Amino acid sequence: ADFDRVMAVNVRGQFLGLRGAFRR
């Protein structure tokens, strides 16, 4: 659960931010 939480924020979160920036 802790591993998943870190990956969710630090990796998924950055992916979503990158994807959102490119879409914009």
mmCIF file of all heavy atoms, coordinates in Angstrom:
data_MODEL
# 
_entry.id   MODEL 
# 
loop_
_atom_site.group_PDB 
_atom_site.id 
_atom_site.type_symbol 
_atom_site.label_atom_id 
_atom_site.label_alt_id 
_atom_site.label_comp_id 
_atom_site.label_asym_id 
_atom_site.label_entity_id 
_atom_site.label_seq_id 
_atom_site.pdbx_PDB_ins_code 
_atom_site.Cartn_x 
_atom_site.Cartn_y 
_atom_site.Cartn_z 
_atom_site.occupancy 
_atom_site.B_iso_or_equiv 
_atom_site.pdbx_formal_charge 
_atom_site.auth_seq_id 
_atom_site.auth_comp_id 
_atom_site.auth_asym_id 
_atom_site.auth_atom_id 
_atom_site.pdbx_PDB_model_num 
ATOM 1   N N   . ALA A 1 1  ? 0.828  -1.203 0.000   1.00 0.00 ? 1  ALA A N   1 
ATOM 2   C CA  . ALA A 1 1  ? 0.000  0.000  0.000   1.00 0.00 ? 1  ALA A CA  1 
ATOM 3   C C   . ALA A 1 1  ? 0.863  1.254  0.000   1.00 0.00 ? 1  ALA A C   1 
ATOM 4   O O   . ALA A 1 1  ? 0.570  2.230  -0.699  1.00 0.00 ? 1  ALA A O   1 
ATOM 5   C CB  . ALA A 1 1  ? -0.929 0.001  1.205   1.00 0.00 ? 1  ALA A CB  1 
ATOM 6   N N   . ASP A 1 2  ? 1.948  1.253  0.800   1.00 0.00 ? 2  ASP A N   1 
ATOM 7   C CA  . ASP A 1 2  ? 2.822  2.423  0.831   1.00 0.00 ? 2  ASP A CA  1 
ATOM 8   C C   . ASP A 1 2  ? 3.547  2.586  -0.496  1.00 0.00 ? 2  ASP A C   1 
ATOM 9   O O   . ASP A 1 2  ? 3.672  3.702  -1.016  1.00 0.00 ? 2  ASP A O   1 
ATOM 10  C CB  . ASP A 1 2  ? 3.833  2.316  1.969   1.00 0.00 ? 2  ASP A CB  1 
ATOM 11  C CG  . ASP A 1 2  ? 4.648  3.595  2.121   1.00 0.00 ? 2  ASP A CG  1 
ATOM 12  O OD1 . ASP A 1 2  ? 4.071  4.605  2.544   1.00 0.00 ? 2  ASP A OD1 1 
ATOM 13  O OD2 . ASP A 1 2  ? 5.851  3.583  1.787   1.00 0.00 ? 2  ASP A OD2 1 
ATOM 14  N N   . PHE A 1 3  ? 4.031  1.481  -1.056  1.00 0.00 ? 3  PHE A N   1 
ATOM 15  C CA  . PHE A 1 3  ? 4.702  1.543  -2.360  1.00 0.00 ? 3  PHE A CA  1 
ATOM 16  C C   . PHE A 1 3  ? 3.749  2.103  -3.414  1.00 0.00 ? 3  PHE A C   1 
ATOM 17  O O   . PHE A 1 3  ? 4.118  2.986  -4.199  1.00 0.00 ? 3  PHE A O   1 
ATOM 18  C CB  . PHE A 1 3  ? 5.187  0.150  -2.759  1.00 0.00 ? 3  PHE A CB  1 
ATOM 19  C CG  . PHE A 1 3  ? 5.992  0.126  -4.026  1.00 0.00 ? 3  PHE A CG  1 
ATOM 20  C CD1 . PHE A 1 3  ? 7.355  0.326  -4.009  1.00 0.00 ? 3  PHE A CD1 1 
ATOM 21  C CD2 . PHE A 1 3  ? 5.368  -0.087 -5.255  1.00 0.00 ? 3  PHE A CD2 1 
ATOM 22  C CE1 . PHE A 1 3  ? 8.102  0.310  -5.178  1.00 0.00 ? 3  PHE A CE1 1 
ATOM 23  C CE2 . PHE A 1 3  ? 6.101  -0.105 -6.432  1.00 0.00 ? 3  PHE A CE2 1 
ATOM 24  C CZ  . PHE A 1 3  ? 7.467  0.099  -6.390  1.00 0.00 ? 3  PHE A CZ  1 
ATOM 25  N N   . ASP A 1 4  ? 2.521  1.603  -3.418  1.00 0.00 ? 4  ASP A N   1 
ATOM 26  C CA  . ASP A 1 4  ? 1.539  2.054  -4.408  1.00 0.00 ? 4  ASP A CA  1 
ATOM 27  C C   . ASP A 1 4  ? 1.210  3.536  -4.231  1.00 0.00 ? 4  ASP A C   1 
ATOM 28  O O   . ASP A 1 4  ? 1.009  4.259  -5.220  1.00 0.00 ? 4  ASP A O   1 
ATOM 29  C CB  . ASP A 1 4  ? 0.256  1.232  -4.290  1.00 0.00 ? 4  ASP A CB  1 
ATOM 30  C CG  . ASP A 1 4  ? 0.432  -0.198 -4.772  1.00 0.00 ? 4  ASP A CG  1 
ATOM 31  O OD1 . ASP A 1 4  ? 1.435  -0.491 -5.445  1.00 0.00 ? 4  ASP A OD1 1 
ATOM 32  O OD2 . ASP A 1 4  ? -0.452 -1.028 -4.455  1.00 0.00 ? 4  ASP A OD2 1 
ATOM 33  N N   . ARG A 1 5  ? 1.161  3.989  -2.974  1.00 0.00 ? 5  ARG A N   1 
ATOM 34  C CA  . ARG A 1 5  ? 0.829  5.392  -2.709  1.00 0.00 ? 5  ARG A CA  1 
ATOM 35  C C   . ARG A 1 5  ? 1.907  6.316  -3.264  1.00 0.00 ? 5  ARG A C   1 
ATOM 36  O O   . ARG A 1 5  ? 1.612  7.345  -3.885  1.00 0.00 ? 5  ARG A O   1 
ATOM 37  C CB  . ARG A 1 5  ? 0.664  5.615  -1.201  1.00 0.00 ? 5  ARG A CB  1 
ATOM 38  C CG  . ARG A 1 5  ? 0.245  7.024  -0.818  1.00 0.00 ? 5  ARG A CG  1 
ATOM 39  C CD  . ARG A 1 5  ? -0.086 7.086  0.670   1.00 0.00 ? 5  ARG A CD  1 
ATOM 40  N NE  . ARG A 1 5  ? 1.092  6.865  1.496   1.00 0.00 ? 5  ARG A NE  1 
ATOM 41  C CZ  . ARG A 1 5  ? 1.872  7.849  1.960   1.00 0.00 ? 5  ARG A CZ  1 
ATOM 42  N NH1 . ARG A 1 5  ? 1.587  9.106  1.675   1.00 0.00 ? 5  ARG A NH1 1 
ATOM 43  N NH2 . ARG A 1 5  ? 2.912  7.581  2.721   1.00 0.00 ? 5  ARG A NH2 1 
ATOM 44  N N   . VAL A 1 6  ? 3.171  5.957  -3.058  1.00 0.00 ? 6  VAL A N   1 
ATOM 45  C CA  . VAL A 1 6  ? 4.266  6.772  -3.568  1.00 0.00 ? 6  VAL A CA  1 
ATOM 46  C C   . VAL A 1 6  ? 4.261  6.785  -5.096  1.00 0.00 ? 6  VAL A C   1 
ATOM 47  O O   . VAL A 1 6  ? 4.420  7.845  -5.729  1.00 0.00 ? 6  VAL A O   1 
ATOM 48  C CB  . VAL A 1 6  ? 5.617  6.257  -3.043  1.00 0.00 ? 6  VAL A CB  1 
ATOM 49  C CG1 . VAL A 1 6  ? 6.781  6.998  -3.698  1.00 0.00 ? 6  VAL A CG1 1 
ATOM 50  C CG2 . VAL A 1 6  ? 5.687  6.406  -1.524  1.00 0.00 ? 6  VAL A CG2 1 
ATOM 51  N N   . MET A 1 7  ? 4.062  5.628  -5.690  1.00 0.00 ? 7  MET A N   1 
ATOM 52  C CA  . MET A 1 7  ? 4.046  5.565  -7.147  1.00 0.00 ? 7  MET A CA  1 
ATOM 53  C C   . MET A 1 7  ? 2.852  6.329  -7.721  1.00 0.00 ? 7  MET A C   1 
ATOM 54  O O   . MET A 1 7  ? 2.950  6.950  -8.785  1.00 0.00 ? 7  MET A O   1 
ATOM 55  C CB  . MET A 1 7  ? 4.012  4.103  -7.602  1.00 0.00 ? 7  MET A CB  1 
ATOM 56  C CG  . MET A 1 7  ? 5.236  3.295  -7.197  1.00 0.00 ? 7  MET A CG  1 
ATOM 57  S SD  . MET A 1 7  ? 6.786  3.888  -7.905  1.00 0.00 ? 7  MET A SD  1 
ATOM 58  C CE  . MET A 1 7  ? 6.603  3.287  -9.581  1.00 0.00 ? 7  MET A CE  1 
ATOM 59  N N   . ALA A 1 8  ? 1.735  6.302  -7.021  1.00 0.00 ? 8  ALA A N   1 
ATOM 60  C CA  . ALA A 1 8  ? 0.538  6.999  -7.497  1.00 0.00 ? 8  ALA A CA  1 
ATOM 61  C C   . ALA A 1 8  ? 0.778  8.500  -7.593  1.00 0.00 ? 8  ALA A C   1 
ATOM 62  O O   . ALA A 1 8  ? 0.384  9.151  -8.566  1.00 0.00 ? 8  ALA A O   1 
ATOM 63  C CB  . ALA A 1 8  ? -0.642 6.714  -6.578  1.00 0.00 ? 8  ALA A CB  1 
ATOM 64  N N   . VAL A 1 9  ? 1.421  9.060  -6.579  1.00 0.00 ? 9  VAL A N   1 
ATOM 65  C CA  . VAL A 1 9  ? 1.661  10.502 -6.578  1.00 0.00 ? 9  VAL A CA  1 
ATOM 66  C C   . VAL A 1 9  ? 2.850  10.861 -7.467  1.00 0.00 ? 9  VAL A C   1 
ATOM 67  O O   . VAL A 1 9  ? 2.759  11.718 -8.349  1.00 0.00 ? 9  VAL A O   1 
ATOM 68  C CB  . VAL A 1 9  ? 1.893  11.014 -5.147  1.00 0.00 ? 9  VAL A CB  1 
ATOM 69  C CG1 . VAL A 1 9  ? 2.239  12.508 -5.160  1.00 0.00 ? 9  VAL A CG1 1 
ATOM 70  C CG2 . VAL A 1 9  ? 0.671  10.761 -4.286  1.00 0.00 ? 9  VAL A CG2 1 
ATOM 71  N N   . ASN A 1 10 ? 3.982  10.206 -7.240  1.00 0.00 ? 10 ASN A N   1 
ATOM 72  C CA  . ASN A 1 10 ? 5.233  10.616 -7.880  1.00 0.00 ? 10 ASN A CA  1 
ATOM 73  C C   . ASN A 1 10 ? 5.335  10.214 -9.344  1.00 0.00 ? 10 ASN A C   1 
ATOM 74  O O   . ASN A 1 10 ? 6.084  10.848 -10.102 1.00 0.00 ? 10 ASN A O   1 
ATOM 75  C CB  . ASN A 1 10 ? 6.427  10.046 -7.113  1.00 0.00 ? 10 ASN A CB  1 
ATOM 76  C CG  . ASN A 1 10 ? 6.556  10.637 -5.722  1.00 0.00 ? 10 ASN A CG  1 
ATOM 77  O OD1 . ASN A 1 10 ? 5.729  11.432 -5.294  1.00 0.00 ? 10 ASN A OD1 1 
ATOM 78  N ND2 . ASN A 1 10 ? 7.580  10.230 -5.004  1.00 0.00 ? 10 ASN A ND2 1 
ATOM 79  N N   . VAL A 1 11 ? 4.646  9.144  -9.741  1.00 0.00 ? 11 VAL A N   1 
ATOM 80  C CA  . VAL A 1 11 ? 4.738  8.693  -11.135 1.00 0.00 ? 11 VAL A CA  1 
ATOM 81  C C   . VAL A 1 11 ? 3.424  8.942  -11.879 1.00 0.00 ? 11 VAL A C   1 
ATOM 82  O O   . VAL A 1 11 ? 3.390  9.658  -12.876 1.00 0.00 ? 11 VAL A O   1 
ATOM 83  C CB  . VAL A 1 11 ? 5.131  7.203  -11.222 1.00 0.00 ? 11 VAL A CB  1 
ATOM 84  C CG1 . VAL A 1 11 ? 5.279  6.783  -12.688 1.00 0.00 ? 11 VAL A CG1 1 
ATOM 85  C CG2 . VAL A 1 11 ? 6.427  6.947  -10.469 1.00 0.00 ? 11 VAL A CG2 1 
ATOM 86  N N   . ARG A 1 12 ? 2.335  8.369  -11.372 1.00 0.00 ? 12 ARG A N   1 
ATOM 87  C CA  . ARG A 1 12 ? 1.044  8.613  -12.017 1.00 0.00 ? 12 ARG A CA  1 
ATOM 88  C C   . ARG A 1 12 ? 0.729  10.112 -12.039 1.00 0.00 ? 12 ARG A C   1 
ATOM 89  O O   . ARG A 1 12 ? 0.267  10.650 -13.060 1.00 0.00 ? 12 ARG A O   1 
ATOM 90  C CB  . ARG A 1 12 ? -0.054 7.853  -11.277 1.00 0.00 ? 12 ARG A CB  1 
ATOM 91  C CG  . ARG A 1 12 ? -1.491 8.153  -11.768 1.00 0.00 ? 12 ARG A CG  1 
ATOM 92  C CD  . ARG A 1 12 ? -2.518 7.446  -10.882 1.00 0.00 ? 12 ARG A CD  1 
ATOM 93  N NE  . ARG A 1 12 ? -3.865 7.951  -11.106 1.00 0.00 ? 12 ARG A NE  1 
ATOM 94  C CZ  . ARG A 1 12 ? -4.699 7.494  -12.026 1.00 0.00 ? 12 ARG A CZ  1 
ATOM 95  N NH1 . ARG A 1 12 ? -4.314 6.522  -12.833 1.00 0.00 ? 12 ARG A NH1 1 
ATOM 96  N NH2 . ARG A 1 12 ? -5.906 7.997  -12.158 1.00 0.00 ? 12 ARG A NH2 1 
ATOM 97  N N   . GLY A 1 13 ? 0.978  10.791 -10.918 1.00 0.00 ? 13 GLY A N   1 
ATOM 98  C CA  . GLY A 1 13 ? 0.691  12.213 -10.850 1.00 0.00 ? 13 GLY A CA  1 
ATOM 99  C C   . GLY A 1 13 ? 1.482  13.014 -11.876 1.00 0.00 ? 13 GLY A C   1 
ATOM 100 O O   . GLY A 1 13 ? 0.951  13.916 -12.530 1.00 0.00 ? 13 GLY A O   1 
ATOM 101 N N   . GLN A 1 14 ? 2.773  12.681 -12.040 1.00 0.00 ? 14 GLN A N   1 
ATOM 102 C CA  . GLN A 1 14 ? 3.585  13.400 -13.022 1.00 0.00 ? 14 GLN A CA  1 
ATOM 103 C C   . GLN A 1 14 ? 3.158  13.045 -14.445 1.00 0.00 ? 14 GLN A C   1 
ATOM 104 O O   . GLN A 1 14 ? 3.169  13.899 -15.340 1.00 0.00 ? 14 GLN A O   1 
ATOM 105 C CB  . GLN A 1 14 ? 5.073  13.092 -12.813 1.00 0.00 ? 14 GLN A CB  1 
ATOM 106 C CG  . GLN A 1 14 ? 5.602  13.411 -11.421 1.00 0.00 ? 14 GLN A CG  1 
ATOM 107 C CD  . GLN A 1 14 ? 5.584  14.892 -11.086 1.00 0.00 ? 14 GLN A CD  1 
ATOM 108 O OE1 . GLN A 1 14 ? 4.626  15.600 -11.384 1.00 0.00 ? 14 GLN A OE1 1 
ATOM 109 N NE2 . GLN A 1 14 ? 6.637  15.370 -10.448 1.00 0.00 ? 14 GLN A NE2 1 
ATOM 110 N N   . PHE A 1 15 ? 2.786  11.787 -14.658 1.00 0.00 ? 15 PHE A N   1 
ATOM 111 C CA  . PHE A 1 15 ? 2.266  11.399 -15.975 1.00 0.00 ? 15 PHE A CA  1 
ATOM 112 C C   . PHE A 1 15 ? 1.008  12.198 -16.318 1.00 0.00 ? 15 PHE A C   1 
ATOM 113 O O   . PHE A 1 15 ? 0.871  12.728 -17.423 1.00 0.00 ? 15 PHE A O   1 
ATOM 114 C CB  . PHE A 1 15 ? 1.966  9.902  -16.010 1.00 0.00 ? 15 PHE A CB  1 
ATOM 115 C CG  . PHE A 1 15 ? 0.960  9.526  -17.067 1.00 0.00 ? 15 PHE A CG  1 
ATOM 116 C CD1 . PHE A 1 15 ? 1.282  9.570  -18.415 1.00 0.00 ? 15 PHE A CD1 1 
ATOM 117 C CD2 . PHE A 1 15 ? -0.342 9.167  -16.711 1.00 0.00 ? 15 PHE A CD2 1 
ATOM 118 C CE1 . PHE A 1 15 ? 0.331  9.260  -19.398 1.00 0.00 ? 15 PHE A CE1 1 
ATOM 119 C CE2 . PHE A 1 15 ? -1.289 8.854  -17.676 1.00 0.00 ? 15 PHE A CE2 1 
ATOM 120 C CZ  . PHE A 1 15 ? -0.945 8.901  -19.024 1.00 0.00 ? 15 PHE A CZ  1 
ATOM 121 N N   . LEU A 1 16 ? 0.080  12.268 -15.373 1.00 0.00 ? 16 LEU A N   1 
ATOM 122 C CA  . LEU A 1 16 ? -1.160 13.004 -15.636 1.00 0.00 ? 16 LEU A CA  1 
ATOM 123 C C   . LEU A 1 16 ? -0.879 14.480 -15.921 1.00 0.00 ? 16 LEU A C   1 
ATOM 124 O O   . LEU A 1 16 ? -1.509 15.092 -16.785 1.00 0.00 ? 16 LEU A O   1 
ATOM 125 C CB  . LEU A 1 16 ? -2.112 12.867 -14.451 1.00 0.00 ? 16 LEU A CB  1 
ATOM 126 C CG  . LEU A 1 16 ? -2.717 11.477 -14.227 1.00 0.00 ? 16 LEU A CG  1 
ATOM 127 C CD1 . LEU A 1 16 ? -3.515 11.452 -12.926 1.00 0.00 ? 16 LEU A CD1 1 
ATOM 128 C CD2 . LEU A 1 16 ? -3.597 11.052 -15.402 1.00 0.00 ? 16 LEU A CD2 1 
ATOM 129 N N   . GLY A 1 17 ? 0.076  15.041 -15.183 1.00 0.00 ? 17 GLY A N   1 
ATOM 130 C CA  . GLY A 1 17 ? 0.436  16.432 -15.417 1.00 0.00 ? 17 GLY A CA  1 
ATOM 131 C C   . GLY A 1 17 ? 1.064  16.642 -16.783 1.00 0.00 ? 17 GLY A C   1 
ATOM 132 O O   . GLY A 1 17 ? 0.757  17.617 -17.484 1.00 0.00 ? 17 GLY A O   1 
ATOM 133 N N   . LEU A 1 18 ? 1.952  15.725 -17.177 1.00 0.00 ? 18 LEU A N   1 
ATOM 134 C CA  . LEU A 1 18 ? 2.572  15.805 -18.499 1.00 0.00 ? 18 LEU A CA  1 
ATOM 135 C C   . LEU A 1 18 ? 1.525  15.642 -19.597 1.00 0.00 ? 18 LEU A C   1 
ATOM 136 O O   . LEU A 1 18 ? 1.492  16.409 -20.563 1.00 0.00 ? 18 LEU A O   1 
ATOM 137 C CB  . LEU A 1 18 ? 3.641  14.725 -18.640 1.00 0.00 ? 18 LEU A CB  1 
ATOM 138 C CG  . LEU A 1 18 ? 5.010  15.023 -18.038 1.00 0.00 ? 18 LEU A CG  1 
ATOM 139 C CD1 . LEU A 1 18 ? 5.837  13.748 -17.963 1.00 0.00 ? 18 LEU A CD1 1 
ATOM 140 C CD2 . LEU A 1 18 ? 5.750  16.074 -18.871 1.00 0.00 ? 18 LEU A CD2 1 
ATOM 141 N N   . ARG A 1 19 ? 0.690  14.645 -19.443 1.00 0.00 ? 19 ARG A N   1 
ATOM 142 C CA  . ARG A 1 19 ? -0.338 14.411 -20.457 1.00 0.00 ? 19 ARG A CA  1 
ATOM 143 C C   . ARG A 1 19 ? -1.265 15.616 -20.577 1.00 0.00 ? 19 ARG A C   1 
ATOM 144 O O   . ARG A 1 19 ? -1.607 16.054 -21.688 1.00 0.00 ? 19 ARG A O   1 
ATOM 145 C CB  . ARG A 1 19 ? -1.148 13.164 -20.116 1.00 0.00 ? 19 ARG A CB  1 
ATOM 146 C CG  . ARG A 1 19 ? -2.093 12.732 -21.238 1.00 0.00 ? 19 ARG A CG  1 
ATOM 147 C CD  . ARG A 1 19 ? -2.972 11.582 -20.817 1.00 0.00 ? 19 ARG A CD  1 
ATOM 148 N NE  . ARG A 1 19 ? -3.947 11.982 -19.795 1.00 0.00 ? 19 ARG A NE  1 
ATOM 149 C CZ  . ARG A 1 19 ? -4.892 11.166 -19.309 1.00 0.00 ? 19 ARG A CZ  1 
ATOM 150 N NH1 . ARG A 1 19 ? -4.971 9.918  -19.736 1.00 0.00 ? 19 ARG A NH1 1 
ATOM 151 N NH2 . ARG A 1 19 ? -5.733 11.602 -18.393 1.00 0.00 ? 19 ARG A NH2 1 
ATOM 152 N N   . GLY A 1 20 ? -1.654 16.170 -19.441 1.00 0.00 ? 20 GLY A N   1 
ATOM 153 C CA  . GLY A 1 20 ? -2.521 17.337 -19.462 1.00 0.00 ? 20 GLY A CA  1 
ATOM 154 C C   . GLY A 1 20 ? -1.859 18.527 -20.133 1.00 0.00 ? 20 GLY A C   1 
ATOM 155 O O   . GLY A 1 20 ? -2.502 19.273 -20.888 1.00 0.00 ? 20 GLY A O   1 
ATOM 156 N N   . ALA A 1 21 ? -0.559 18.708 -19.880 1.00 0.00 ? 21 ALA A N   1 
ATOM 157 C CA  . ALA A 1 21 ? 0.158  19.816 -20.508 1.00 0.00 ? 21 ALA A CA  1 
ATOM 158 C C   . ALA A 1 21 ? 0.198  19.641 -22.021 1.00 0.00 ? 21 ALA A C   1 
ATOM 159 O O   . ALA A 1 21 ? -0.057 20.590 -22.778 1.00 0.00 ? 21 ALA A O   1 
ATOM 160 C CB  . ALA A 1 21 ? 1.577  19.890 -19.942 1.00 0.00 ? 21 ALA A CB  1 
ATOM 161 N N   . PHE A 1 22 ? 0.496  18.430 -22.479 1.00 0.00 ? 22 PHE A N   1 
ATOM 162 C CA  . PHE A 1 22 ? 0.558  18.188 -23.920 1.00 0.00 ? 22 PHE A CA  1 
ATOM 163 C C   . PHE A 1 22 ? -0.815 18.353 -24.570 1.00 0.00 ? 22 PHE A C   1 
ATOM 164 O O   . PHE A 1 22 ? -0.927 18.884 -25.688 1.00 0.00 ? 22 PHE A O   1 
ATOM 165 C CB  . PHE A 1 22 ? 1.121  16.792 -24.192 1.00 0.00 ? 22 PHE A CB  1 
ATOM 166 C CG  . PHE A 1 22 ? 2.622  16.761 -24.290 1.00 0.00 ? 22 PHE A CG  1 
ATOM 167 C CD1 . PHE A 1 22 ? 3.404  16.648 -23.146 1.00 0.00 ? 22 PHE A CD1 1 
ATOM 168 C CD2 . PHE A 1 22 ? 3.254  16.867 -25.517 1.00 0.00 ? 22 PHE A CD2 1 
ATOM 169 C CE1 . PHE A 1 22 ? 4.786  16.622 -23.229 1.00 0.00 ? 22 PHE A CE1 1 
ATOM 170 C CE2 . PHE A 1 22 ? 4.640  16.843 -25.613 1.00 0.00 ? 22 PHE A CE2 1 
ATOM 171 C CZ  . PHE A 1 22 ? 5.413  16.727 -24.460 1.00 0.00 ? 22 PHE A CZ  1 
ATOM 172 N N   . ARG A 1 23 ? -1.848 17.904 -23.892 1.00 0.00 ? 23 ARG A N   1 
ATOM 173 C CA  . ARG A 1 23 ? -3.200 18.090 -24.442 1.00 0.00 ? 23 ARG A CA  1 
ATOM 174 C C   . ARG A 1 23 ? -3.534 19.569 -24.561 1.00 0.00 ? 23 ARG A C   1 
ATOM 175 O O   . ARG A 1 23 ? -4.149 20.002 -25.537 1.00 0.00 ? 23 ARG A O   1 
ATOM 176 C CB  . ARG A 1 23 ? -4.225 17.373 -23.551 1.00 0.00 ? 23 ARG A CB  1 
ATOM 177 C CG  . ARG A 1 23 ? -4.194 15.858 -23.683 1.00 0.00 ? 23 ARG A CG  1 
ATOM 178 C CD  . ARG A 1 23 ? -5.199 15.210 -22.755 1.00 0.00 ? 23 ARG A CD  1 
ATOM 179 N NE  . ARG A 1 23 ? -5.313 13.771 -23.005 1.00 0.00 ? 23 ARG A NE  1 
ATOM 180 C CZ  . ARG A 1 23 ? -6.096 12.943 -22.319 1.00 0.00 ? 23 ARG A CZ  1 
ATOM 181 N NH1 . ARG A 1 23 ? -6.835 13.420 -21.314 1.00 0.00 ? 23 ARG A NH1 1 
ATOM 182 N NH2 . ARG A 1 23 ? -6.149 11.659 -22.611 1.00 0.00 ? 23 ARG A NH2 1 
ATOM 183 N N   . ARG A 1 24 ? -3.127 20.355 -23.575 1.00 0.00 ? 24 ARG A N   1 
ATOM 184 C CA  . ARG A 1 24 ? -3.404 21.787 -23.609 1.00 0.00 ? 24 ARG A CA  1 
ATOM 185 C C   . ARG A 1 24 ? -2.650 22.459 -24.749 1.00 0.00 ? 24 ARG A C   1 
ATOM 186 O O   . ARG A 1 24 ? -3.199 23.293 -25.475 1.00 0.00 ? 24 ARG A O   1 
ATOM 187 C CB  . ARG A 1 24 ? -3.010 22.413 -22.260 1.00 0.00 ? 24 ARG A CB  1 
ATOM 188 C CG  . ARG A 1 24 ? -3.086 23.906 -22.229 1.00 0.00 ? 24 ARG A CG  1 
ATOM 189 C CD  . ARG A 1 24 ? -4.408 24.476 -21.827 1.00 0.00 ? 24 ARG A CD  1 
ATOM 190 N NE  . ARG A 1 24 ? -5.630 23.979 -22.384 1.00 0.00 ? 24 ARG A NE  1 
ATOM 191 C CZ  . ARG A 1 24 ? -6.389 24.630 -23.259 1.00 0.00 ? 24 ARG A CZ  1 
ATOM 192 N NH1 . ARG A 1 24 ? -6.002 25.796 -23.731 1.00 0.00 ? 24 ARG A NH1 1 
ATOM 193 N NH2 . ARG A 1 24 ? -7.527 24.142 -23.650 1.00 0.00 ? 24 ARG A NH2 1 
# 
